[in-house]
C-alpha atoms as a PDB file:
ATOM      1  CA  MET A   1     101.103 111.771 139.010  1.00  0.00           C
ATOM      2  CA  LYS A   2     100.065 114.468 136.531  1.00  0.00           C
ATOM      3  CA  LEU A   3     100.623 112.136 133.556  1.00  0.00           C
ATOM      4  CA  ALA A   4      98.510 109.408 135.190  1.00  0.00           C
ATOM      5  CA  LYS A   5      95.609 111.816 135.699  1.00  0.00           C
ATOM      6  CA  GLN A   6      95.889 113.094 132.129  1.00  0.00           C
ATOM      7  CA  ALA A   7      95.959 109.539 130.764  1.00  0.00           C
ATOM      8  CA  VAL A   8      92.886 108.505 132.759  1.00  0.00           C
ATOM      9  CA  GLN A   9      91.026 111.623 131.683  1.00  0.00           C
ATOM     10  CA  PHE A  10      91.890 110.946 128.042  1.00  0.00           C
ATOM     11  CA  LEU A  11      90.891 107.267 128.229  1.00  0.00           C
ATOM     12  CA  GLU A  12      87.505 108.136 129.733  1.00  0.00           C
ATOM     13  CA  SER A  13      86.460 109.450 126.315  1.00  0.00           C
ATOM     14  CA  HIS A  14      88.805 107.499 123.995  1.00  0.00           C
ATOM     15  CA  MET A  15      88.794 103.718 124.291  1.00  0.00           C
ATOM     16  CA  LEU A  16      90.734 100.772 122.978  1.00  0.00           C
ATOM     17  CA  PRO A  17      88.987  97.437 122.406  1.00  0.00           C
ATOM     18  CA  ILE A  18      88.940  95.082 125.368  1.00  0.00           C
ATOM     19  CA  PRO A  19      92.088  93.000 124.971  1.00  0.00           C
ATOM     20  CA  LYS A  20      91.702  89.324 124.254  1.00  0.00           C
ATOM     21  CA  GLN A  21      94.514  87.718 126.174  1.00  0.00           C
ATOM     22  CA  HIS A  22      97.123  90.455 126.335  1.00  0.00           C
ATOM     23  CA  GLY A  23      97.173  94.235 126.411  1.00  0.00           C
ATOM     24  CA  SER A  24      99.174  96.863 128.245  1.00  0.00           C
ATOM     25  CA  ALA A  25     100.305 100.468 128.228  1.00  0.00           C
ATOM     26  CA  HIS A  26     103.509 101.804 129.754  1.00  0.00           C
ATOM     27  CA  LEU A  27     103.627 105.600 129.685  1.00  0.00           C
ATOM     28  CA  ASP A  28     106.929 107.201 130.682  1.00  0.00           C
ATOM     29  CA  VAL A  29     106.788 110.657 132.251  1.00  0.00           C
ATOM     30  CA  TYR A  30     110.327 111.261 130.954  1.00  0.00           C
ATOM     31  CA  GLU A  31     109.111 110.480 127.416  1.00  0.00           C
ATOM     32  CA  SER A  32     111.725 107.817 126.814  1.00  0.00           C
ATOM     33  CA  GLY A  33     109.965 104.471 127.124  1.00  0.00           C
ATOM     34  CA  ASN A  34     106.337 104.598 125.995  1.00  0.00           C
ATOM     35  CA  LEU A  35     104.905 101.259 124.916  1.00  0.00           C
ATOM     36  CA  ILE A  36     101.300 100.363 124.115  1.00  0.00           C
ATOM     37  CA  VAL A  37     100.382  96.819 123.074  1.00  0.00           C
ATOM     38  CA  TRP A  38      96.910  95.423 122.498  1.00  0.00           C
ATOM     39  CA  GLN A  39      95.216  92.555 120.725  1.00  0.00           C
ATOM     40  CA  ASP A  40      92.172  92.765 118.461  1.00  0.00           C
ATOM     41  CA  ASP A  41      91.100  89.287 117.374  1.00  0.00           C
ATOM     42  CA  LYS A  42      94.203  87.653 115.878  1.00  0.00           C
ATOM     43  CA  LEU A  43      96.070  90.922 115.312  1.00  0.00           C
ATOM     44  CA  VAL A  44      98.536  92.311 117.876  1.00  0.00           C
ATOM     45  CA  TYR A  45      99.330  96.028 117.666  1.00  0.00           C
ATOM     46  CA  THR A  46     102.438  97.662 119.151  1.00  0.00           C
ATOM     47  CA  LEU A  47     103.283 101.360 119.420  1.00  0.00           C
ATOM     48  CA  ASP A  48     106.752 101.952 120.799  1.00  0.00           C
ATOM     49  CA  SER A  49     108.421 104.851 119.016  1.00  0.00           C
ATOM     50  CA  ILE A  50     106.166 107.721 120.041  1.00  0.00           C
ATOM     51  CA  LYS A  51     108.028 110.078 122.358  1.00  0.00           C
ATOM     52  CA  GLU A  52     105.058 111.882 123.962  1.00  0.00           C
ATOM     53  CA  PRO A  53     102.909 109.585 126.169  1.00  0.00           C
ATOM     54  CA  LEU A  54      99.566 111.261 125.454  1.00  0.00           C
ATOM     55  CA  LYS A  55     100.312 111.333 121.716  1.00  0.00           C
ATOM     56  CA  ALA A  56     100.903 107.563 121.911  1.00  0.00           C
ATOM     57  CA  LEU A  57      97.475 107.104 123.530  1.00  0.00           C
ATOM     58  CA  GLU A  58      95.923 109.366 120.917  1.00  0.00           C
ATOM     59  CA  MET A  59      97.434 107.318 118.099  1.00  0.00           C
ATOM     60  CA  ALA A  60      96.414 103.984 119.632  1.00  0.00           C
ATOM     61  CA  THR A  61      92.801 105.037 120.151  1.00  0.00           C
ATOM     62  CA  ALA A  62      92.567 106.569 116.655  1.00  0.00           C
ATOM     63  CA  PHE A  63      92.190 103.042 115.244  1.00  0.00           C
ATOM     64  CA  TYR A  64      88.720 102.788 116.839  1.00  0.00           C
ATOM     65  CA  HIS A  65      87.134 106.210 116.297  1.00  0.00           C
END
């Protein structure tokens, strides 16, 4: 539950573009299965090798700041 609250708090001030057809984020509290996928026009981005969930969110949102 703590990770979910931290993720929501982070995303309130750091946004990704609205996904076209597909977009998702799976954040693993055990830091073993984080996956963030989003689409921006015809490009699909995938982050899947970042161990820390909040670091993965930070990296994904860095594209748009």
